[in-house]
Amino acid sequence: MDEAIRAEGLVKQFGATRALDGIDLSVPRGTVLGLLGPNGAGKTTAVRILATLLAPDAGQAWVDGCDVASEAAAVRSRIGLTGQYASVDEKLTGRENLILIARLLGFSRRDARARAGELLVEFGLEDAAHRPVQTYSGGMRRRLDLAASLVGRPRILFLDEPTTGLDPRARLDLWNLIRELVAQGTTVLLTTQYLEEADSLADEIVVIDQGRVIASGTSDQLKARIGGQTLVLAPEHESDVATALSIVTEIVGREPEVDGARLRVPVSDPALVPAVVRRLDESGIVARELTLRGASLDDVFLTLTGRHASVETPAGDAEAAP
């Protein structure tokens, strides 16, 4: 099997909620697949099935050629998993955490200490190795958590929103670590709500919503799908927003997203912009901002789902289901 990860028709239901509704995934070896979607889309459920933490209600999946249902132990021996929240023990030191995990994986005492030392150096944690994890910054904890998932030298790594809550510098540091792992041959399935994260790291992106795959392709392919450009308009006076919204909707043929006094809408034909300008002038509306820029992944997601990828969902959502 050429793919490191393959899923066909995965279905998972929690009571009346269908968390996954027949999704297919394929991740070539040595690449990064970005799995995008809002909270509740089914991202974490998919990862938990692929990591053998949940059994699917229907469909099949293989990780490194092993069936996740019938060869769960073999799958677990080949993967690493970093979830949304650090799973390390805060009372132990960084070194003690890594040694503990290595021993649980069957390493000898000597090999466990050696492996812990290697990872502490690789992840820039050597100076903090003897400090309790509860004294670490958020970025340091995430680096230690990622190091912990690599103790067994897994071929495949599942990263479930690994940079949630990190500041921009810590996020960039973690991105660089992920790039280094991929350069060494690791395959990564990355779930994220940060669209710039998928844009920066993923070789291919799959967008899911309500448990279904709604689009897939490279970042450039997805951006091209919506025409590649976005019109951004902000009237000088907030009282003109409603009129401007009506004008843009009529000319562009779709209703813009409204964010305060700013309108944003994908545009397939740049020639529509002069028409918008003329109508605004005829209506006496002065624009504080009027730009046509390249589409972003956020624009793609908004076009596909009608909302941003970072939208929050109500409590009791399928992603939180056990």
C-alpha atoms as a PDB file:
ATOM      1  CA  MET A   1       0.000   0.000   0.000  1.00  0.00           C
ATOM      2  CA  ASP A   2       1.549   3.341  -1.121  1.00  0.00           C
ATOM      3  CA  GLU A   3      -0.461   5.401   1.349  1.00  0.00           C
ATOM      4  CA  ALA A   4       0.634   5.745   4.948  1.00  0.00           C
ATOM      5  CA  ILE A   5      -3.019   6.344   5.886  1.00  0.00           C
ATOM      6  CA  ARG A   6      -6.148   5.326   4.021  1.00  0.00           C
ATOM      7  CA  ALA A   7      -9.787   5.537   5.080  1.00  0.00           C
ATOM      8  CA  GLU A   8     -12.863   4.464   3.147  1.00  0.00           C
ATOM      9  CA  GLY A   9     -16.407   5.377   4.105  1.00  0.00           C
ATOM     10  CA  LEU A  10     -15.799   5.956   7.817  1.00  0.00           C
ATOM     11  CA  VAL A  11     -18.999   6.405   9.809  1.00  0.00           C
ATOM     12  CA  LYS A  12     -19.334   7.149  13.533  1.00  0.00           C
ATOM     13  CA  GLN A  13     -22.487   7.988  15.415  1.00  0.00           C
ATOM     14  CA  PHE A  14     -22.914   9.228  18.985  1.00  0.00           C
ATOM     15  CA  GLY A  15     -26.587   8.897  19.850  1.00  0.00           C
ATOM     16  CA  ALA A  16     -28.496  11.061  17.402  1.00  0.00           C
ATOM     17  CA  THR A  17     -25.345  12.830  16.233  1.00  0.00           C
ATOM     18  CA  ARG A  18     -23.558  11.514  13.156  1.00  0.00           C
ATOM     19  CA  ALA A  19     -19.991  12.644  13.822  1.00  0.00           C
ATOM     20  CA  LEU A  20     -18.604  11.023  10.656  1.00  0.00           C
ATOM     21  CA  ASP A  21     -20.791  10.401   7.641  1.00  0.00           C
ATOM     22  CA  GLY A  22     -18.725   8.322   5.245  1.00  0.00           C
ATOM     23  CA  ILE A  23     -15.412  10.147   4.896  1.00  0.00           C
ATOM     24  CA  ASP A  24     -12.547   8.980   2.682  1.00  0.00           C
ATOM     25  CA  LEU A  25      -8.909   9.959   3.295  1.00  0.00           C
ATOM     26  CA  SER A  26      -5.611   9.150   1.631  1.00  0.00           C
ATOM     27  CA  VAL A  27      -2.202  10.308   2.887  1.00  0.00           C
ATOM     28  CA  PRO A  28       0.924   9.426   0.841  1.00  0.00           C
ATOM     29  CA  ARG A  29       4.030   8.542   2.826  1.00  0.00           C
ATOM     30  CA  GLY A  30       6.280  11.397   3.876  1.00  0.00           C
ATOM     31  CA  THR A  31       3.631  14.093   3.374  1.00  0.00           C
ATOM     32  CA  VAL A  32       1.356  16.271   5.506  1.00  0.00           C
ATOM     33  CA  LEU A  33      -2.419  16.081   5.149  1.00  0.00           C
ATOM     34  CA  GLY A  34      -4.229  19.042   6.679  1.00  0.00           C
ATOM     35  CA  LEU A  35      -7.700  18.187   7.944  1.00  0.00           C
ATOM     36  CA  LEU A  36      -9.686  21.414   8.209  1.00  0.00           C
ATOM     37  CA  GLY A  37     -13.061  22.088   9.744  1.00  0.00           C
ATOM     38  CA  PRO A  38     -14.815  23.938  12.570  1.00  0.00           C
ATOM     39  CA  ASN A  39     -15.317  22.484  16.023  1.00  0.00           C
ATOM     40  CA  GLY A  40     -17.714  19.586  15.627  1.00  0.00           C
ATOM     41  CA  ALA A  41     -16.828  18.853  12.013  1.00  0.00           C
ATOM     42  CA  GLY A  42     -15.528  15.375  12.868  1.00  0.00           C
ATOM     43  CA  LYS A  43     -11.757  16.000  12.837  1.00  0.00           C
ATOM     44  CA  THR A  44     -10.982  14.598  16.270  1.00  0.00           C
ATOM     45  CA  THR A  45     -13.345  11.684  15.789  1.00  0.00           C
ATOM     46  CA  ALA A  46     -11.504  10.734  12.599  1.00  0.00           C
ATOM     47  CA  VAL A  47      -8.128  10.924  14.343  1.00  0.00           C
ATOM     48  CA  ARG A  48      -9.350   8.811  17.258  1.00  0.00           C
ATOM     49  CA  ILE A  49     -10.549   6.113  14.875  1.00  0.00           C
ATOM     50  CA  LEU A  50      -7.288   6.114  12.931  1.00  0.00           C
ATOM     51  CA  ALA A  51      -5.344   5.957  16.212  1.00  0.00           C
ATOM     52  CA  THR A  52      -7.487   2.943  17.328  1.00  0.00           C
ATOM     53  CA  LEU A  53      -9.046   4.868  20.229  1.00  0.00           C
ATOM     54  CA  LEU A  54     -12.525   4.515  18.706  1.00  0.00           C
ATOM     55  CA  ALA A  55     -14.079   1.824  16.544  1.00  0.00           C
ATOM     56  CA  PRO A  56     -15.933   3.000  13.427  1.00  0.00           C
ATOM     57  CA  ASP A  57     -19.588   2.047  13.016  1.00  0.00           C
ATOM     58  CA  ALA A  58     -18.966   1.471   9.313  1.00  0.00           C
ATOM     59  CA  GLY A  59     -16.136   1.750   6.806  1.00  0.00           C
ATOM     60  CA  GLN A  60     -12.499   0.683   6.950  1.00  0.00           C
ATOM     61  CA  ALA A  61      -9.151   2.316   7.595  1.00  0.00           C
ATOM     62  CA  TRP A  62      -5.513   1.298   7.315  1.00  0.00           C
ATOM     63  CA  VAL A  63      -2.470   2.906   8.912  1.00  0.00           C
ATOM     64  CA  ASP A  64       0.919   1.838   7.554  1.00  0.00           C
ATOM     65  CA  GLY A  65      -0.857  -1.037   5.841  1.00  0.00           C
ATOM     66  CA  CYS A  66      -2.478  -2.319   9.064  1.00  0.00           C
ATOM     67  CA  ASP A  67      -6.234  -2.472   9.558  1.00  0.00           C
ATOM     68  CA  VAL A  68      -7.197  -0.234  12.487  1.00  0.00           C
ATOM     69  CA  ALA A  69      -9.920  -2.668  13.579  1.00  0.00           C
ATOM     70  CA  SER A  70      -8.235  -6.072  13.275  1.00  0.00           C
ATOM     71  CA  GLU A  71      -4.597  -5.016  13.756  1.00  0.00           C
ATOM     72  CA  ALA A  72      -4.927  -2.319  16.399  1.00  0.00           C
ATOM     73  CA  ALA A  73      -1.770  -3.289  18.305  1.00  0.00           C
ATOM     74  CA  ALA A  74       0.305  -3.123  15.120  1.00  0.00           C
ATOM     75  CA  VAL A  75      -1.142   0.307  14.318  1.00  0.00           C
ATOM     76  CA  ARG A  76      -0.326   1.628  17.789  1.00  0.00           C
ATOM     77  CA  SER A  77       3.274   0.462  17.463  1.00  0.00           C
ATOM     78  CA  ARG A  78       3.684   2.581  14.336  1.00  0.00           C
ATOM     79  CA  ILE A  79       2.071   5.885  15.327  1.00  0.00           C
ATOM     80  CA  GLY A  80       2.526   8.879  17.576  1.00  0.00           C
ATOM     81  CA  LEU A  81      -0.365  11.060  18.755  1.00  0.00           C
ATOM     82  CA  THR A  82      -0.366  14.609  20.057  1.00  0.00           C
ATOM     83  CA  GLY A  83      -3.795  15.826  21.094  1.00  0.00           C
ATOM     84  CA  GLN A  84      -5.261  19.263  21.684  1.00  0.00           C
ATOM     85  CA  TYR A  85      -4.038  19.361  25.279  1.00  0.00           C
ATOM     86  CA  ALA A  86      -0.643  18.381  26.687  1.00  0.00           C
ATOM     87  CA  SER A  87      -0.748  14.835  28.047  1.00  0.00           C
ATOM     88  CA  VAL A  88       2.493  14.944  30.025  1.00  0.00           C
ATOM     89  CA  ASP A  89       2.614  14.732  33.832  1.00  0.00           C
ATOM     90  CA  GLU A  90       3.075  18.218  35.273  1.00  0.00           C
ATOM     91  CA  LYS A  91       4.587  16.936  38.534  1.00  0.00           C
ATOM     92  CA  LEU A  92       7.416  15.120  36.755  1.00  0.00           C
ATOM     93  CA  THR A  93      10.355  16.804  35.072  1.00  0.00           C
ATOM     94  CA  GLY A  94      10.657  16.882  31.311  1.00  0.00           C
ATOM     95  CA  ARG A  95      13.300  14.173  31.420  1.00  0.00           C
ATOM     96  CA  GLU A  96      11.260  11.988  33.782  1.00  0.00           C
ATOM     97  CA  ASN A  97       8.235  12.222  31.470  1.00  0.00           C
ATOM     98  CA  LEU A  98      10.194  11.005  28.480  1.00  0.00           C
ATOM     99  CA  ILE A  99      11.932   8.232  30.409  1.00  0.00           C
ATOM    100  CA  LEU A 100       8.585   7.043  31.766  1.00  0.00           C
ATOM    101  CA  ILE A 101       7.080   6.824  28.280  1.00  0.00           C
ATOM    102  CA  ALA A 102      10.149   5.043  26.937  1.00  0.00           C
ATOM    103  CA  ARG A 103       9.980   2.467  29.727  1.00  0.00           C
ATOM    104  CA  LEU A 104       6.278   1.906  29.026  1.00  0.00           C
ATOM    105  CA  LEU A 105       7.244   1.259  25.402  1.00  0.00           C
ATOM    106  CA  GLY A 106       9.680  -1.430  26.485  1.00  0.00           C
ATOM    107  CA  PHE A 107      12.967   0.460  26.408  1.00  0.00           C
ATOM    108  CA  SER A 108      15.671  -0.634  28.850  1.00  0.00           C
ATOM    109  CA  ARG A 109      16.610   1.878  31.552  1.00  0.00           C
ATOM    110  CA  ARG A 110      19.765   2.788  29.694  1.00  0.00           C
ATOM    111  CA  ASP A 111      18.045   3.160  26.323  1.00  0.00           C
ATOM    112  CA  ALA A 112      15.193   5.141  27.899  1.00  0.00           C
ATOM    113  CA  ARG A 113      17.634   7.677  29.365  1.00  0.00           C
ATOM    114  CA  ALA A 114      19.483   7.912  26.063  1.00  0.00           C
ATOM    115  CA  ARG A 115      16.306   8.447  24.042  1.00  0.00           C
ATOM    116  CA  ALA A 116      15.050  11.078  26.490  1.00  0.00           C
ATOM    117  CA  GLY A 117      18.356  12.920  26.188  1.00  0.00           C
ATOM    118  CA  GLU A 118      18.195  12.879  22.385  1.00  0.00           C
ATOM    119  CA  LEU A 119      14.690  14.325  22.327  1.00  0.00           C
ATOM    120  CA  LEU A 120      15.404  17.003  24.923  1.00  0.00           C
ATOM    121  CA  VAL A 121      18.259  18.282  22.765  1.00  0.00           C
ATOM    122  CA  GLU A 122      16.265  17.998  19.524  1.00  0.00           C
ATOM    123  CA  PHE A 123      13.343  19.970  20.952  1.00  0.00           C
ATOM    124  CA  GLY A 124      15.420  22.630  22.709  1.00  0.00           C
ATOM    125  CA  LEU A 125      14.432  21.517  26.210  1.00  0.00           C
ATOM    126  CA  GLU A 126      17.804  20.402  27.550  1.00  0.00           C
ATOM    127  CA  ASP A 127      18.184  23.388  29.898  1.00  0.00           C
ATOM    128  CA  ALA A 128      14.720  22.723  31.394  1.00  0.00           C
ATOM    129  CA  ALA A 129      15.091  18.941  31.551  1.00  0.00           C
ATOM    130  CA  HIS A 130      15.286  18.813  35.365  1.00  0.00           C
ATOM    131  CA  ARG A 131      12.429  21.242  36.012  1.00  0.00           C
ATOM    132  CA  PRO A 132       8.867  20.090  36.770  1.00  0.00           C
ATOM    133  CA  VAL A 133       6.651  20.494  33.711  1.00  0.00           C
ATOM    134  CA  GLN A 134       4.296  22.725  35.702  1.00  0.00           C
ATOM    135  CA  THR A 135       6.998  25.431  35.468  1.00  0.00           C
ATOM    136  CA  TYR A 136       7.124  25.239  31.641  1.00  0.00           C
ATOM    137  CA  SER A 137       5.598  27.813  29.326  1.00  0.00           C
ATOM    138  CA  GLY A 138       2.783  26.765  26.997  1.00  0.00           C
ATOM    139  CA  GLY A 139       5.168  26.468  24.058  1.00  0.00           C
ATOM    140  CA  MET A 140       7.605  24.344  26.069  1.00  0.00           C
ATOM    141  CA  ARG A 141       4.820  21.998  27.145  1.00  0.00           C
ATOM    142  CA  ARG A 142       3.690  21.527  23.566  1.00  0.00           C
ATOM    143  CA  ARG A 143       7.249  20.787  22.475  1.00  0.00           C
ATOM    144  CA  LEU A 144       7.582  18.239  25.260  1.00  0.00           C
ATOM    145  CA  ASP A 145       4.226  16.729  24.312  1.00  0.00           C
ATOM    146  CA  LEU A 146       5.368  16.374  20.706  1.00  0.00           C
ATOM    147  CA  ALA A 147       8.663  14.891  21.871  1.00  0.00           C
ATOM    148  CA  ALA A 148       6.728  12.384  23.989  1.00  0.00           C
ATOM    149  CA  SER A 149       4.786  11.227  20.932  1.00  0.00           C
ATOM    150  CA  LEU A 150       8.093  10.569  19.149  1.00  0.00           C
ATOM    151  CA  VAL A 151       9.803   8.460  21.819  1.00  0.00           C
ATOM    152  CA  GLY A 152       9.058   5.253  19.918  1.00  0.00           C
ATOM    153  CA  ARG A 153      10.241   6.731  16.591  1.00  0.00           C
ATOM    154  CA  PRO A 154       6.814   6.404  14.926  1.00  0.00           C
ATOM    155  CA  ARG A 155       6.499   6.355  11.158  1.00  0.00           C
ATOM    156  CA  ILE A 156       3.196   8.222  11.282  1.00  0.00           C
ATOM    157  CA  LEU A 157       2.228  11.151  13.484  1.00  0.00           C
ATOM    158  CA  PHE A 158      -1.275  12.390  14.281  1.00  0.00           C
ATOM    159  CA  LEU A 159      -1.350  16.025  15.385  1.00  0.00           C
ATOM    160  CA  ASP A 160      -4.796  17.057  16.619  1.00  0.00           C
ATOM    161  CA  GLU A 161      -4.791  20.875  16.792  1.00  0.00           C
ATOM    162  CA  PRO A 162      -1.276  20.881  18.279  1.00  0.00           C
ATOM    163  CA  THR A 163      -0.829  24.664  18.412  1.00  0.00           C
ATOM    164  CA  THR A 164      -4.127  25.563  20.099  1.00  0.00           C
ATOM    165  CA  GLY A 165      -3.510  28.283  22.674  1.00  0.00           C
ATOM    166  CA  LEU A 166       0.100  28.973  21.691  1.00  0.00           C
ATOM    167  CA  ASP A 167       1.425  32.468  21.057  1.00  0.00           C
ATOM    168  CA  PRO A 168       2.614  33.251  17.493  1.00  0.00           C
ATOM    169  CA  ARG A 169       6.313  32.646  18.263  1.00  0.00           C
ATOM    170  CA  ALA A 170       5.676  29.273  19.917  1.00  0.00           C
ATOM    171  CA  ARG A 171       3.427  28.294  17.011  1.00  0.00           C
ATOM    172  CA  LEU A 172       6.147  29.095  14.464  1.00  0.00           C
ATOM    173  CA  ASP A 173       8.683  27.094  16.495  1.00  0.00           C
ATOM    174  CA  LEU A 174       6.381  24.078  16.466  1.00  0.00           C
ATOM    175  CA  TRP A 175       5.797  24.456  12.711  1.00  0.00           C
ATOM    176  CA  ASN A 176       9.553  24.289  12.156  1.00  0.00           C
ATOM    177  CA  LEU A 177       9.796  21.119  14.237  1.00  0.00           C
ATOM    178  CA  ILE A 178       7.009  19.537  12.187  1.00  0.00           C
ATOM    179  CA  ARG A 179       8.787  20.454   8.939  1.00  0.00           C
ATOM    180  CA  GLU A 180      11.972  18.810  10.208  1.00  0.00           C
ATOM    181  CA  LEU A 181      10.094  15.612  11.064  1.00  0.00           C
ATOM    182  CA  VAL A 182       8.536  15.456   7.600  1.00  0.00           C
ATOM    183  CA  ALA A 183      11.928  16.074   5.987  1.00  0.00           C
ATOM    184  CA  GLN A 184      13.125  12.978   7.866  1.00  0.00           C
ATOM    185  CA  GLY A 185      10.320  10.894   6.344  1.00  0.00           C
ATOM    186  CA  THR A 186       7.544  11.127   8.934  1.00  0.00           C
ATOM    187  CA  THR A 187       3.977  11.182   7.633  1.00  0.00           C
ATOM    188  CA  VAL A 188       1.716  13.691   9.405  1.00  0.00           C
ATOM    189  CA  LEU A 189      -2.049  14.012   9.628  1.00  0.00           C
ATOM    190  CA  LEU A 190      -2.685  17.485  11.019  1.00  0.00           C
ATOM    191  CA  THR A 191      -6.067  18.728  12.206  1.00  0.00           C
ATOM    192  CA  THR A 192      -6.323  22.460  12.708  1.00  0.00           C
ATOM    193  CA  GLN A 193      -8.618  25.467  12.784  1.00  0.00           C
ATOM    194  CA  TYR A 194      -5.694  27.764  11.946  1.00  0.00           C
ATOM    195  CA  LEU A 195      -5.906  28.133   8.201  1.00  0.00           C
ATOM    196  CA  GLU A 196      -2.461  29.675   7.890  1.00  0.00           C
ATOM    197  CA  GLU A 197      -1.134  26.545   9.608  1.00  0.00           C
ATOM    198  CA  ALA A 198      -2.557  24.280   6.919  1.00  0.00           C
ATOM    199  CA  ASP A 199      -1.427  26.738   4.238  1.00  0.00           C
ATOM    200  CA  SER A 200       2.121  26.617   5.577  1.00  0.00           C
ATOM    201  CA  LEU A 201       2.497  22.912   6.394  1.00  0.00           C
ATOM    202  CA  ALA A 202       0.094  20.768   4.387  1.00  0.00           C
ATOM    203  CA  ASP A 203       0.903  19.158   1.038  1.00  0.00           C
ATOM    204  CA  GLU A 204      -2.812  18.502   0.600  1.00  0.00           C
ATOM    205  CA  ILE A 205      -5.883  19.731   2.452  1.00  0.00           C
ATOM    206  CA  VAL A 206      -9.202  18.033   3.123  1.00  0.00           C
ATOM    207  CA  VAL A 207     -12.069  20.231   4.308  1.00  0.00           C
ATOM    208  CA  ILE A 208     -14.756  18.481   6.335  1.00  0.00           C
ATOM    209  CA  ASP A 209     -18.008  19.793   7.701  1.00  0.00           C
ATOM    210  CA  GLN A 210     -20.726  17.930   9.598  1.00  0.00           C
ATOM    211  CA  GLY A 211     -18.840  14.672   9.196  1.00  0.00           C
ATOM    212  CA  ARG A 212     -18.471  14.858   5.404  1.00  0.00           C
ATOM    213  CA  VAL A 213     -15.614  15.740   3.081  1.00  0.00           C
ATOM    214  CA  ILE A 214     -16.719  18.842   1.188  1.00  0.00           C
ATOM    215  CA  ALA A 215     -13.498  19.660  -0.675  1.00  0.00           C
ATOM    216  CA  SER A 216      -9.921  18.485  -1.100  1.00  0.00           C
ATOM    217  CA  GLY A 217      -6.790  19.516  -2.960  1.00  0.00           C
ATOM    218  CA  THR A 218      -3.676  21.596  -2.520  1.00  0.00           C
ATOM    219  CA  SER A 219      -3.953  25.055  -1.004  1.00  0.00           C
ATOM    220  CA  ASP A 220      -3.602  26.678  -4.433  1.00  0.00           C
ATOM    221  CA  GLN A 221      -6.226  24.366  -5.954  1.00  0.00           C
ATOM    222  CA  LEU A 222      -8.726  25.214  -3.229  1.00  0.00           C
ATOM    223  CA  LYS A 223      -8.095  28.938  -3.594  1.00  0.00           C
ATOM    224  CA  ALA A 224      -8.520  28.714  -7.362  1.00  0.00           C
ATOM    225  CA  ARG A 225     -11.850  27.000  -6.794  1.00  0.00           C
ATOM    226  CA  ILE A 226     -13.425  30.249  -5.557  1.00  0.00           C
ATOM    227  CA  GLY A 227     -11.939  32.454  -8.258  1.00  0.00           C
ATOM    228  CA  GLY A 228      -8.763  33.411  -6.467  1.00  0.00           C
ATOM    229  CA  GLN A 229      -9.750  36.946  -5.399  1.00  0.00           C
ATOM    230  CA  THR A 230     -11.779  38.580  -2.658  1.00  0.00           C
ATOM    231  CA  LEU A 231     -13.401  42.007  -2.587  1.00  0.00           C
ATOM    232  CA  VAL A 232     -13.123  43.803   0.755  1.00  0.00           C
ATOM    233  CA  LEU A 233     -15.253  46.919   1.294  1.00  0.00           C
ATOM    234  CA  ALA A 234     -15.674  49.123   4.366  1.00  0.00           C
ATOM    235  CA  PRO A 235     -17.908  52.231   4.038  1.00  0.00           C
ATOM    236  CA  GLU A 236     -16.723  55.382   5.781  1.00  0.00           C
ATOM    237  CA  HIS A 237     -20.026  55.619   7.656  1.00  0.00           C
ATOM    238  CA  GLU A 238     -21.455  52.563   9.408  1.00  0.00           C
ATOM    239  CA  SER A 239     -24.971  53.718   8.481  1.00  0.00           C
ATOM    240  CA  ASP A 240     -24.121  52.927   4.835  1.00  0.00           C
ATOM    241  CA  VAL A 241     -23.288  49.255   5.457  1.00  0.00           C
ATOM    242  CA  ALA A 242     -26.778  47.975   4.635  1.00  0.00           C
ATOM    243  CA  THR A 243     -26.913  49.886   1.332  1.00  0.00           C
ATOM    244  CA  ALA A 244     -23.397  48.796   0.417  1.00  0.00           C
ATOM    245  CA  LEU A 245     -24.335  45.198   1.204  1.00  0.00           C
ATOM    246  CA  SER A 246     -27.304  45.418  -1.161  1.00  0.00           C
ATOM    247  CA  ILE A 247     -25.170  46.933  -3.941  1.00  0.00           C
ATOM    248  CA  VAL A 248     -22.395  44.341  -3.688  1.00  0.00           C
ATOM    249  CA  THR A 249     -24.864  41.450  -3.491  1.00  0.00           C
ATOM    250  CA  GLU A 250     -26.653  42.642  -6.631  1.00  0.00           C
ATOM    251  CA  ILE A 251     -23.472  43.153  -8.682  1.00  0.00           C
ATOM    252  CA  VAL A 252     -21.386  40.191  -7.500  1.00  0.00           C
ATOM    253  CA  GLY A 253     -24.306  37.793  -7.350  1.00  0.00           C
ATOM    254  CA  ARG A 254     -23.745  36.584  -3.789  1.00  0.00           C
ATOM    255  CA  GLU A 255     -24.146  38.111  -0.348  1.00  0.00           C
ATOM    256  CA  PRO A 256     -20.904  39.207   1.338  1.00  0.00           C
ATOM    257  CA  GLU A 257     -19.864  38.239   4.824  1.00  0.00           C
ATOM    258  CA  VAL A 258     -20.359  41.166   7.204  1.00  0.00           C
ATOM    259  CA  ASP A 259     -17.792  41.745   9.934  1.00  0.00           C
ATOM    260  CA  GLY A 260     -18.719  44.947  11.750  1.00  0.00           C
ATOM    261  CA  ALA A 261     -18.541  47.633   9.053  1.00  0.00           C
ATOM    262  CA  ARG A 262     -16.461  45.504   6.670  1.00  0.00           C
ATOM    263  CA  LEU A 263     -17.892  43.448   3.796  1.00  0.00           C
ATOM    264  CA  ARG A 264     -15.998  40.570   2.232  1.00  0.00           C
ATOM    265  CA  VAL A 265     -16.988  38.440  -0.755  1.00  0.00           C
ATOM    266  CA  PRO A 266     -15.186  36.177  -3.285  1.00  0.00           C
ATOM    267  CA  VAL A 267     -15.105  37.666  -6.789  1.00  0.00           C
ATOM    268  CA  SER A 268     -14.603  35.592  -9.924  1.00  0.00           C
ATOM    269  CA  ASP A 269     -14.450  38.565 -12.331  1.00  0.00           C
ATOM    270  CA  PRO A 270     -12.272  41.583 -11.388  1.00  0.00           C
ATOM    271  CA  ALA A 271     -14.261  43.677 -13.886  1.00  0.00           C
ATOM    272  CA  LEU A 272     -17.093  43.724 -11.342  1.00  0.00           C
ATOM    273  CA  VAL A 273     -15.088  46.011  -9.042  1.00  0.00           C
ATOM    274  CA  PRO A 274     -15.474  49.175 -11.213  1.00  0.00           C
ATOM    275  CA  ALA A 275     -19.190  48.484 -11.338  1.00  0.00           C
ATOM    276  CA  VAL A 276     -19.282  48.383  -7.525  1.00  0.00           C
ATOM    277  CA  VAL A 277     -17.334  51.666  -7.371  1.00  0.00           C
ATOM    278  CA  ARG A 278     -19.765  53.388  -9.774  1.00  0.00           C
ATOM    279  CA  ARG A 279     -22.818  52.248  -7.819  1.00  0.00           C
ATOM    280  CA  LEU A 280     -21.287  53.341  -4.530  1.00  0.00           C
ATOM    281  CA  ASP A 281     -20.554  56.769  -6.026  1.00  0.00           C
ATOM    282  CA  GLU A 282     -24.090  57.043  -7.402  1.00  0.00           C
ATOM    283  CA  SER A 283     -25.425  56.241  -3.922  1.00  0.00           C
ATOM    284  CA  GLY A 284     -23.163  58.778  -2.246  1.00  0.00           C
ATOM    285  CA  ILE A 285     -21.261  56.125  -0.279  1.00  0.00           C
ATOM    286  CA  VAL A 286     -17.624  56.880   0.527  1.00  0.00           C
ATOM    287  CA  ALA A 287     -15.407  53.807   0.986  1.00  0.00           C
ATOM    288  CA  ARG A 288     -12.877  53.852   3.807  1.00  0.00           C
ATOM    289  CA  GLU A 289     -11.455  50.620   2.393  1.00  0.00           C
ATOM    290  CA  LEU A 290     -11.932  49.032  -1.009  1.00  0.00           C
ATOM    291  CA  THR A 291      -9.484  46.347  -2.062  1.00  0.00           C
ATOM    292  CA  LEU A 292      -9.282  43.281  -4.261  1.00  0.00           C
ATOM    293  CA  ARG A 293      -6.853  40.727  -2.865  1.00  0.00           C
ATOM    294  CA  GLY A 294      -5.886  37.139  -3.423  1.00  0.00           C
ATOM    295  CA  ALA A 295      -8.103  34.527  -1.814  1.00  0.00           C
ATOM    296  CA  SER A 296      -7.052  32.904   1.450  1.00  0.00           C
ATOM    297  CA  LEU A 297      -7.970  29.519   2.851  1.00  0.00           C
ATOM    298  CA  ASP A 298     -10.351  31.350   5.158  1.00  0.00           C
ATOM    299  CA  ASP A 299     -12.149  32.639   2.079  1.00  0.00           C
ATOM    300  CA  VAL A 300     -12.280  29.079   0.759  1.00  0.00           C
ATOM    301  CA  PHE A 301     -13.762  27.777   3.972  1.00  0.00           C
ATOM    302  CA  LEU A 302     -16.252  30.617   4.180  1.00  0.00           C
ATOM    303  CA  THR A 303     -17.359  29.952   0.598  1.00  0.00           C
ATOM    304  CA  LEU A 304     -17.738  26.206   1.175  1.00  0.00           C
ATOM    305  CA  THR A 305     -19.468  26.289   4.554  1.00  0.00           C
ATOM    306  CA  GLY A 306     -20.845  29.788   5.049  1.00  0.00           C
ATOM    307  CA  ARG A 307     -18.740  30.330   8.191  1.00  0.00           C
ATOM    308  CA  HIS A 308     -15.143  30.621   9.348  1.00  0.00           C
ATOM    309  CA  ALA A 309     -13.136  27.547  10.310  1.00  0.00           C
ATOM    310  CA  SER A 310     -12.669  28.882  13.842  1.00  0.00           C
ATOM    311  CA  VAL A 311     -16.395  29.130  14.594  1.00  0.00           C
ATOM    312  CA  GLU A 312     -17.389  27.736  17.958  1.00  0.00           C
ATOM    313  CA  THR A 313     -20.087  25.102  18.286  1.00  0.00           C
ATOM    314  CA  PRO A 314     -22.593  24.455  21.055  1.00  0.00           C
ATOM    315  CA  ALA A 315     -21.802  22.312  24.067  1.00  0.00           C
ATOM    316  CA  GLY A 316     -22.491  18.633  23.596  1.00  0.00           C
ATOM    317  CA  ASP A 317     -21.023  18.712  20.131  1.00  0.00           C
ATOM    318  CA  ALA A 318     -20.020  15.486  18.422  1.00  0.00           C
ATOM    319  CA  GLU A 319     -16.329  16.266  18.776  1.00  0.00           C
ATOM    320  CA  ALA A 320     -16.665  16.168  22.520  1.00  0.00           C
ATOM    321  CA  ALA A 321     -18.451  12.858  22.557  1.00  0.00           C
ATOM    322  CA  PRO A 322     -16.685   9.992  24.250  1.00  0.00           C
END
